[in-house]
């Protein structure tokens, strides 16, 4: 339980992290970084959704083969 308490992030830690990010990248670069993160998340979600769709198609093809007696 103590390990979890020491790993908890408080308000002051978040403020320090935000200030460090501002110092490292500057105010103008942050929107570009966030835009890149957003696009990366969008592509990741699209890829996982496409992967799920492929599994559904593969399952229906396999079921049809078994039903038709081809396998």
PDB file of N, CA and C in Angstrom:
ATOM      1  N   UNK A   1       0.832  -1.194   0.000  1.00  0.00           N
ATOM      2  CA  UNK A   1       0.000   0.000   0.000  1.00  0.00           C
ATOM      3  C   UNK A   1       0.871   1.250   0.000  1.00  0.00           C
ATOM      4  N   UNK A   2       1.983   1.229   0.698  1.00  0.00           N
ATOM      5  CA  UNK A   2       2.860   2.398   0.758  1.00  0.00           C
ATOM      6  C   UNK A   2       3.474   2.694  -0.599  1.00  0.00           C
ATOM      7  N   UNK A   3       3.759   1.656  -1.382  1.00  0.00           N
ATOM      8  CA  UNK A   3       4.339   1.869  -2.709  1.00  0.00           C
ATOM      9  C   UNK A   3       3.372   2.632  -3.603  1.00  0.00           C
ATOM     10  N   UNK A   4       2.090   2.325  -3.489  1.00  0.00           N
ATOM     11  CA  UNK A   4       1.091   3.025  -4.290  1.00  0.00           C
ATOM     12  C   UNK A   4       0.988   4.486  -3.869  1.00  0.00           C
ATOM     13  N   UNK A   5       1.049   4.752  -2.606  1.00  0.00           N
ATOM     14  CA  UNK A   5       0.946   6.117  -2.107  1.00  0.00           C
ATOM     15  C   UNK A   5       2.136   6.956  -2.579  1.00  0.00           C
ATOM     16  N   UNK A   6       3.316   6.383  -2.623  1.00  0.00           N
ATOM     17  CA  UNK A   6       4.486   7.139  -3.053  1.00  0.00           C
ATOM     18  C   UNK A   6       4.483   7.381  -4.555  1.00  0.00           C
ATOM     19  N   UNK A   7       3.772   6.555  -5.316  1.00  0.00           N
ATOM     20  CA  UNK A   7       3.707   6.731  -6.766  1.00  0.00           C
ATOM     21  C   UNK A   7       2.572   7.644  -7.204  1.00  0.00           C
ATOM     22  N   UNK A   8       1.702   8.004  -6.301  1.00  0.00           N
ATOM     23  CA  UNK A   8       0.576   8.866  -6.643  1.00  0.00           C
ATOM     24  C   UNK A   8       1.091  10.250  -7.045  1.00  0.00           C
ATOM     25  N   UNK A   9       0.513  10.809  -8.097  1.00  0.00           N
ATOM     26  CA  UNK A   9       0.924  12.120  -8.591  1.00  0.00           C
ATOM     27  C   UNK A   9      -0.033  13.164  -8.044  1.00  0.00           C
ATOM     28  N   UNK A  10       0.531  14.162  -7.401  1.00  0.00           N
ATOM     29  CA  UNK A  10      -0.274  15.232  -6.835  1.00  0.00           C
ATOM     30  C   UNK A  10      -0.329  16.439  -7.749  1.00  0.00           C
ATOM     31  N   UNK A  11      -0.992  17.461  -7.288  1.00  0.00           N
ATOM     32  CA  UNK A  11      -1.172  18.683  -8.072  1.00  0.00           C
ATOM     33  C   UNK A  11       0.178  19.352  -8.336  1.00  0.00           C
ATOM     34  N   UNK A  12       1.026  19.417  -7.308  1.00  0.00           N
ATOM     35  CA  UNK A  12       2.311  20.093  -7.479  1.00  0.00           C
ATOM     36  C   UNK A  12       3.204  19.360  -8.476  1.00  0.00           C
ATOM     37  N   UNK A  13       3.145  18.041  -8.496  1.00  0.00           N
ATOM     38  CA  UNK A  13       3.945  17.292  -9.464  1.00  0.00           C
ATOM     39  C   UNK A  13       3.476  17.573 -10.890  1.00  0.00           C
ATOM     40  N   UNK A  14       2.168  17.679 -11.071  1.00  0.00           N
ATOM     41  CA  UNK A  14       1.630  17.990 -12.394  1.00  0.00           C
ATOM     42  C   UNK A  14       2.062  19.388 -12.826  1.00  0.00           C
ATOM     43  N   UNK A  15       2.034  20.340 -11.909  1.00  0.00           N
ATOM     44  CA  UNK A  15       2.457  21.711 -12.216  1.00  0.00           C
ATOM     45  C   UNK A  15       3.918  21.717 -12.632  1.00  0.00           C
ATOM     46  N   UNK A  16       4.763  20.985 -11.921  1.00  0.00           N
ATOM     47  CA  UNK A  16       6.193  20.934 -12.251  1.00  0.00           C
ATOM     48  C   UNK A  16       6.388  20.298 -13.625  1.00  0.00           C
ATOM     49  N   UNK A  17       5.663  19.234 -13.926  1.00  0.00           N
ATOM     50  CA  UNK A  17       5.784  18.585 -15.229  1.00  0.00           C
ATOM     51  C   UNK A  17       5.366  19.533 -16.349  1.00  0.00           C
ATOM     52  N   UNK A  18       4.265  20.245 -16.168  1.00  0.00           N
ATOM     53  CA  UNK A  18       3.797  21.198 -17.181  1.00  0.00           C
ATOM     54  C   UNK A  18       4.827  22.301 -17.398  1.00  0.00           C
ATOM     55  N   UNK A  19       5.394  22.810 -16.328  1.00  0.00           N
ATOM     56  CA  UNK A  19       6.422  23.852 -16.455  1.00  0.00           C
ATOM     57  C   UNK A  19       7.658  23.336 -17.177  1.00  0.00           C
ATOM     58  N   UNK A  20       8.065  22.120 -16.882  1.00  0.00           N
ATOM     59  CA  UNK A  20       9.223  21.550 -17.576  1.00  0.00           C
ATOM     60  C   UNK A  20       8.946  21.373 -19.066  1.00  0.00           C
ATOM     61  N   UNK A  21       7.748  20.940 -19.402  1.00  0.00           N
ATOM     62  CA  UNK A  21       7.392  20.781 -20.818  1.00  0.00           C
ATOM     63  C   UNK A  21       7.404  22.138 -21.511  1.00  0.00           C
ATOM     64  N   UNK A  22       6.866  23.157 -20.851  1.00  0.00           N
ATOM     65  CA  UNK A  22       6.886  24.503 -21.437  1.00  0.00           C
ATOM     66  C   UNK A  22       8.312  24.998 -21.637  1.00  0.00           C
ATOM     67  N   UNK A  23       9.177  24.746 -20.682  1.00  0.00           N
ATOM     68  CA  UNK A  23      10.566  25.185 -20.806  1.00  0.00           C
ATOM     69  C   UNK A  23      11.299  24.427 -21.907  1.00  0.00           C
ATOM     70  N   UNK A  24      11.043  23.143 -22.018  1.00  0.00           N
ATOM     71  CA  UNK A  24      11.748  22.334 -23.013  1.00  0.00           C
ATOM     72  C   UNK A  24      11.289  22.622 -24.439  1.00  0.00           C
ATOM     73  N   UNK A  25       9.988  22.715 -24.649  1.00  0.00           N
ATOM     74  CA  UNK A  25       9.471  22.818 -26.012  1.00  0.00           C
ATOM     75  C   UNK A  25       8.991  24.213 -26.388  1.00  0.00           C
ATOM     76  N   UNK A  26       8.664  25.030 -25.430  1.00  0.00           N
ATOM     77  CA  UNK A  26       8.152  26.362 -25.729  1.00  0.00           C
ATOM     78  C   UNK A  26       6.666  26.330 -26.035  1.00  0.00           C
ATOM     79  N   UNK A  27       6.043  27.470 -25.920  1.00  0.00           N
ATOM     80  CA  UNK A  27       4.598  27.569 -26.103  1.00  0.00           C
ATOM     81  C   UNK A  27       4.140  27.325 -27.524  1.00  0.00           C
ATOM     82  N   UNK A  28       4.973  27.625 -28.501  1.00  0.00           N
ATOM     83  CA  UNK A  28       4.565  27.481 -29.906  1.00  0.00           C
ATOM     84  C   UNK A  28       4.630  26.036 -30.378  1.00  0.00           C
ATOM     85  N   UNK A  29       5.512  25.258 -29.799  1.00  0.00           N
ATOM     86  CA  UNK A  29       5.709  23.889 -30.258  1.00  0.00           C
ATOM     87  C   UNK A  29       4.686  22.913 -29.657  1.00  0.00           C
ATOM     88  N   UNK A  30       4.107  23.248 -28.530  1.00  0.00           N
ATOM     89  CA  UNK A  30       3.197  22.338 -27.832  1.00  0.00           C
ATOM     90  C   UNK A  30       1.957  21.995 -28.664  1.00  0.00           C
ATOM     91  N   UNK A  31       1.294  22.953 -29.329  1.00  0.00           N
ATOM     92  CA  UNK A  31       0.139  22.560 -30.165  1.00  0.00           C
ATOM     93  C   UNK A  31       0.512  21.570 -31.266  1.00  0.00           C
ATOM     94  N   UNK A  32       1.704  21.728 -31.842  1.00  0.00           N
ATOM     95  CA  UNK A  32       2.150  20.784 -32.866  1.00  0.00           C
ATOM     96  C   UNK A  32       2.350  19.396 -32.267  1.00  0.00           C
ATOM     97  N   UNK A  33       2.938  19.342 -31.080  1.00  0.00           N
ATOM     98  CA  UNK A  33       3.145  18.060 -30.420  1.00  0.00           C
ATOM     99  C   UNK A  33       1.819  17.387 -30.096  1.00  0.00           C
ATOM    100  N   UNK A  34       0.868  18.154 -29.587  1.00  0.00           N
ATOM    101  CA  UNK A  34      -0.436  17.595 -29.239  1.00  0.00           C
ATOM    102  C   UNK A  34      -1.190  17.137 -30.485  1.00  0.00           C
ATOM    103  N   UNK A  35      -1.041  17.876 -31.575  1.00  0.00           N
ATOM    104  CA  UNK A  35      -1.673  17.485 -32.845  1.00  0.00           C
ATOM    105  C   UNK A  35      -1.099  16.149 -33.306  1.00  0.00           C
ATOM    106  N   UNK A  36       0.202  15.990 -33.191  1.00  0.00           N
ATOM    107  CA  UNK A  36       0.840  14.726 -33.563  1.00  0.00           C
ATOM    108  C   UNK A  36       0.382  13.574 -32.685  1.00  0.00           C
ATOM    109  N   UNK A  37       0.241  13.831 -31.388  1.00  0.00           N
ATOM    110  CA  UNK A  37      -0.258  12.794 -30.478  1.00  0.00           C
ATOM    111  C   UNK A  37      -1.681  12.415 -30.854  1.00  0.00           C
ATOM    112  N   UNK A  38      -2.508  13.398 -31.157  1.00  0.00           N
ATOM    113  CA  UNK A  38      -3.891  13.132 -31.542  1.00  0.00           C
ATOM    114  C   UNK A  38      -3.982  12.321 -32.824  1.00  0.00           C
ATOM    115  N   UNK A  39      -3.153  12.659 -33.811  1.00  0.00           N
ATOM    116  CA  UNK A  39      -3.167  11.911 -35.063  1.00  0.00           C
ATOM    117  C   UNK A  39      -2.684  10.482 -34.848  1.00  0.00           C
ATOM    118  N   UNK A  40      -1.696  10.327 -33.983  1.00  0.00           N
ATOM    119  CA  UNK A  40      -1.204   8.984 -33.673  1.00  0.00           C
ATOM    120  C   UNK A  40      -2.269   8.132 -33.014  1.00  0.00           C
ATOM    121  N   UNK A  41      -3.011   8.741 -32.079  1.00  0.00           N
ATOM    122  CA  UNK A  41      -4.092   8.008 -31.415  1.00  0.00           C
ATOM    123  C   UNK A  41      -5.190   7.644 -32.410  1.00  0.00           C
ATOM    124  N   UNK A  42      -5.495   8.577 -33.333  1.00  0.00           N
ATOM    125  CA  UNK A  42      -6.528   8.332 -34.334  1.00  0.00           C
ATOM    126  C   UNK A  42      -6.130   7.169 -35.241  1.00  0.00           C
ATOM    127  N   UNK A  43      -4.868   7.140 -35.675  1.00  0.00           N
ATOM    128  CA  UNK A  43      -4.388   6.055 -36.525  1.00  0.00           C
ATOM    129  C   UNK A  43      -4.388   4.731 -35.771  1.00  0.00           C
ATOM    130  N   UNK A  44      -4.019   4.766 -34.492  1.00  0.00           N
ATOM    131  CA  UNK A  44      -4.008   3.552 -33.686  1.00  0.00           C
ATOM    132  C   UNK A  44      -5.415   2.980 -33.546  1.00  0.00           C
ATOM    133  N   UNK A  45      -6.388   3.850 -33.264  1.00  0.00           N
ATOM    134  CA  UNK A  45      -7.776   3.393 -33.140  1.00  0.00           C
ATOM    135  C   UNK A  45      -8.279   2.830 -34.461  1.00  0.00           C
ATOM    136  N   UNK A  46      -7.916   3.472 -35.566  1.00  0.00           N
ATOM    137  CA  UNK A  46      -8.344   2.995 -36.876  1.00  0.00           C
ATOM    138  C   UNK A  46      -7.726   1.625 -37.170  1.00  0.00           C
ATOM    139  N   UNK A  47      -6.461   1.457 -36.830  1.00  0.00           N
ATOM    140  CA  UNK A  47      -5.788   0.184 -37.074  1.00  0.00           C
ATOM    141  C   UNK A  47      -6.388  -0.926 -36.228  1.00  0.00           C
ATOM    142  N   UNK A  48      -6.708  -0.640 -34.979  1.00  0.00           N
ATOM    143  CA  UNK A  48      -7.305  -1.676 -34.138  1.00  0.00           C
ATOM    144  C   UNK A  48      -8.717  -1.996 -34.612  1.00  0.00           C
ATOM    145  N   UNK A  49      -9.461  -1.010 -35.087  1.00  0.00           N
ATOM    146  CA  UNK A  49     -10.804  -1.263 -35.602  1.00  0.00           C
ATOM    147  C   UNK A  49     -10.728  -2.091 -36.884  1.00  0.00           C
ATOM    148  N   UNK A  50      -9.769  -1.785 -37.757  1.00  0.00           N
ATOM    149  CA  UNK A  50      -9.598  -2.555 -38.986  1.00  0.00           C
ATOM    150  C   UNK A  50      -9.205  -3.988 -38.664  1.00  0.00           C
ATOM    151  N   UNK A  51      -8.377  -4.176 -37.656  1.00  0.00           N
ATOM    152  CA  UNK A  51      -7.958  -5.517 -37.262  1.00  0.00           C
ATOM    153  C   UNK A  51      -9.149  -6.312 -36.751  1.00  0.00           C
ATOM    154  N   UNK A  52     -10.016  -5.685 -35.988  1.00  0.00           N
ATOM    155  CA  UNK A  52     -11.213  -6.357 -35.487  1.00  0.00           C
ATOM    156  C   UNK A  52     -12.139  -6.735 -36.635  1.00  0.00           C
ATOM    157  N   UNK A  53     -12.269  -5.857 -37.634  1.00  0.00           N
ATOM    158  CA  UNK A  53     -13.116  -6.142 -38.788  1.00  0.00           C
ATOM    159  C   UNK A  53     -12.584  -7.341 -39.571  1.00  0.00           C
ATOM    160  N   UNK A  54     -11.264  -7.442 -39.705  1.00  0.00           N
ATOM    161  CA  UNK A  54     -10.658  -8.566 -40.409  1.00  0.00           C
ATOM    162  C   UNK A  54     -10.960  -9.874 -39.699  1.00  0.00           C
ATOM    163  N   UNK A  55     -10.931  -9.872 -38.378  1.00  0.00           N
ATOM    164  CA  UNK A  55     -11.230 -11.079 -37.615  1.00  0.00           C
ATOM    165  C   UNK A  55     -12.666 -11.525 -37.842  1.00  0.00           C
ATOM    166  N   UNK A  56     -13.582 -10.581 -37.914  1.00  0.00           N
ATOM    167  CA  UNK A  56     -14.985 -10.913 -38.131  1.00  0.00           C
ATOM    168  C   UNK A  56     -15.167 -11.545 -39.508  1.00  0.00           C
ATOM    169  N   UNK A  57     -14.534 -10.978 -40.522  1.00  0.00           N
ATOM    170  CA  UNK A  57     -14.637 -11.522 -41.878  1.00  0.00           C
ATOM    171  C   UNK A  57     -14.025 -12.911 -41.911  1.00  0.00           C
ATOM    172  N   UNK A  58     -12.860 -13.104 -41.306  1.00  0.00           N
ATOM    173  CA  UNK A  58     -12.212 -14.407 -41.290  1.00  0.00           C
ATOM    174  C   UNK A  58     -13.091 -15.444 -40.603  1.00  0.00           C
ATOM    175  N   UNK A  59     -13.744 -15.083 -39.521  1.00  0.00           N
ATOM    176  CA  UNK A  59     -14.604 -16.009 -38.798  1.00  0.00           C
ATOM    177  C   UNK A  59     -15.792 -16.438 -39.656  1.00  0.00           C
ATOM    178  N   UNK A  60     -16.386 -15.491 -40.367  1.00  0.00           N
ATOM    179  CA  UNK A  60     -17.547 -15.838 -41.189  1.00  0.00           C
ATOM    180  C   UNK A  60     -17.132 -16.717 -42.369  1.00  0.00           C
ATOM    181  N   UNK A  61     -15.966 -16.476 -42.938  1.00  0.00           N
ATOM    182  CA  UNK A  61     -15.480 -17.308 -44.040  1.00  0.00           C
ATOM    183  C   UNK A  61     -15.211 -18.715 -43.527  1.00  0.00           C
ATOM    184  N   UNK A  62     -14.593 -18.834 -42.351  1.00  0.00           N
ATOM    185  CA  UNK A  62     -14.314 -20.152 -41.780  1.00  0.00           C
ATOM    186  C   UNK A  62     -15.610 -20.898 -41.490  1.00  0.00           C
ATOM    187  N   UNK A  63     -16.596 -20.212 -40.932  1.00  0.00           N
ATOM    188  CA  UNK A  63     -17.874 -20.851 -40.634  1.00  0.00           C
ATOM    189  C   UNK A  63     -18.557 -21.322 -41.906  1.00  0.00           C
ATOM    190  N   UNK A  64     -18.466 -20.524 -42.976  1.00  0.00           N
ATOM    191  CA  UNK A  64     -19.091 -20.903 -44.233  1.00  0.00           C
ATOM    192  C   UNK A  64     -18.403 -22.126 -44.833  1.00  0.00           C
ATOM    193  N   UNK A  65     -17.076 -22.183 -44.728  1.00  0.00           N
ATOM    194  CA  UNK A  65     -16.340 -23.345 -45.244  1.00  0.00           C
ATOM    195  C   UNK A  65     -16.747 -24.610 -44.492  1.00  0.00           C
ATOM    196  N   UNK A  66     -16.862 -24.495 -43.167  1.00  0.00           N
ATOM    197  CA  UNK A  66     -17.235 -25.657 -42.364  1.00  0.00           C
ATOM    198  C   UNK A  66     -18.666 -26.073 -42.707  1.00  0.00           C
ATOM    199  N   UNK A  67     -19.557 -25.092 -42.875  1.00  0.00           N
ATOM    200  CA  UNK A  67     -20.954 -25.383 -43.176  1.00  0.00           C
ATOM    201  C   UNK A  67     -21.092 -26.065 -44.540  1.00  0.00           C
ATOM    202  N   UNK A  68     -20.304 -25.596 -45.518  1.00  0.00           N
ATOM    203  CA  UNK A  68     -20.375 -26.178 -46.859  1.00  0.00           C
ATOM    204  C   UNK A  68     -19.649 -27.511 -46.947  1.00  0.00           C
ATOM    205  N   UNK A  69     -18.902 -27.887 -45.923  1.00  0.00           N
ATOM    206  CA  UNK A  69     -18.184 -29.159 -45.920  1.00  0.00           C
ATOM    207  C   UNK A  69     -16.896 -29.113 -46.679  1.00  0.00           C
ATOM    208  N   UNK A  70     -16.368 -27.943 -46.929  1.00  0.00           N
ATOM    209  CA  UNK A  70     -15.110 -27.832 -47.671  1.00  0.00           C
ATOM    210  C   UNK A  70     -13.903 -28.060 -46.782  1.00  0.00           C
ATOM    211  N   UNK A  71     -14.095 -28.095 -45.512  1.00  0.00           N
ATOM    212  CA  UNK A  71     -12.944 -28.245 -44.618  1.00  0.00           C
ATOM    213  C   UNK A  71     -13.059 -29.458 -43.771  1.00  0.00           C
TER     214      UNK A  71
END
